[in-house]
Amino acid sequence: MPSPVERLPLTPIRALTSIVPACLCQLLMAVLVITPGTRYYRLALLPVALYAAFKAATTCDHSNGDPAQAFHNFGQCLGMLMTAMRMLEWASLSEPLQRPPNGRRVLVDALDLMTNMRGIGWSWSKHTPVPPETRPTSGKSVFLCATLLRLLKCIVVYDVLDSLIRLIAPPGVATPAGGSIYDLSRPPLSRYAHSSLITFIYGGVFYFSMEIAYYAATLAALCTPGLRQQPSDWPTYSRDPWRATSIADFWGHRWHQTLRRSFTVLTRPLRKVLGRPGAVAGAFFLSGVLHDWCMWGMGKGTDFTRTGGFFMAMALGVVLEELWERFTGRRIDGLAGWLWTMGWLTAWGNLLVDAWMRTGLGGGEIFPQWFPRPGRVLSSLILHASS
C-alpha cells in the first residue's frame, strides 16, 4: 500500500484521471456481465479494472485538508473496495445476470446493476432478504414524504448518539486526532464496562449514518427526472438490527444485505471444500479485510488484528449457534437469544470500535456547520446542568 501522505488534493482534473476510469471499468464490466458469451472478456478486463479501483481509492485526499472530513477518505476506500468485490464477482460468473424483460436498453440495465446492490428486480436477488415495507407505496408522493420523515428521524437519532459519545468518551476519541475507547484512569472492570457502552452507542452511530446516506439517495433517485425509479426500487435498508435474537439473525437478515451476493459468490470455493462453516468464515474474513482496508483512508494505517478479529468472532458466533441447535434441537431465540446477541456483538465490538476510534473516525463531522444539531444542544444542556 502507498503512504497516505502521498495523496493529492481532489480536483476536477484528478477526479477525471483517477476516479472516472474506475467507474468506466465497472460500467463496462456491468455491460459484459449481462451480455451472453463474454466471460473471457470479463476475465481479461478484471486486472485493469481492479487496478483502476485501487488508484481511485488511493490517489486523492477527499478531506480538502480538514481532518474532520477525513471520513470521506474512509468512504472512498469503502466504495472502491465494494466496487472491486462486485467486479470480481461478475468476472467469475459463467452465466450472464438477468432481469425480467422490460424494454430497457443494455446501458440502462448496466447502470442499474452498478447501483443496485441488493439486485432489486434482478433474478439473482431471490435469495437476498428484503425487509417488509412500512412506508405507504400507493403513490410516489406519499412514499417520498414518508422517506423524508424517516430521514429526518435518522438524522436526529444519529446526532443524539454521536453527541452522547462525545460527552462520555475519553479525551481524543471523538476528535480527528483519535484515541482509545479504553480509559486507563478507570479500574479494569469499570474501564471495560465504559468502553462497552461507547461501543454499543457507536454501533447506533454507524448504523444511522448508513440509513441517512441510503434514504438521502432514495429521495435523490426518485426526484431525478429520467431515471424512472419507483418506490419498489428503494425498499427499507435494514430491519431493526437491535431486535436480532441471534448472531445469524443479525447479520443474515436484519443488517443491510448490500454485499450478501458478493460474499456468497466469492466464498463458493470454500463452501465446496469446507462446507457451510468454511463459507461463513470466508464471508466474515472478506468483511474484515474490507472494513480494515477502509481504515487506510484515515491516514493512520490499518489494524487487522482488531478489525479482522471482530468479524472472525462473528463467524465463530454463527458456528456456535448452529452447533447449539444441532446438539440441543433448539434454536437460539427470544429474550435469551437477544441477550446473547447483544452481549457477543458488544463484547467483540470493542476491538472494532477501538481500532476505528484510534484513526479519528469518531471525530468526523458529516453535517455542515450551519446544520441544526439537536444532539449537540442536548449535550450542552447536560453539561451545563452538571457544572
Foldseek 3Di string as FASTA:
>chain_A
DDFLVQAAADDPVVCVVQVVVLVVLLLVLLLQLQDPPCLVVLVVSLVVNLVSLVSQLRHHQDQNPDLLSLVVSLVSLLVSLLSSLVSVLSNPDNHHWAFPDDPDDSSLSSVCVSVQLQQQRTPVNPQAAFDDFPFDQPDPVSNLVVLVVVLVVLQQLLLQLLLVCVLQADPQLQASQFDFRFDPVDPPVVRLVSLLVNLLSVVSNVQSVVSNVLSVVVNVQSPDPPSPDGVSSRGRFFAPLLQDLALCCNVRHGHGCSCVVSLQSVQVVLCVVPNPLSSLQSSLQSVLVSSQVSLVSLSPHGDSVLSSQLSNLSSVRVVVQVVCCVVVVDHRGDPNSSCVNSVSNSSSSSSVSRRNSNSSNSNHDPDDPVDDRPSNVVSVVVVVVVD
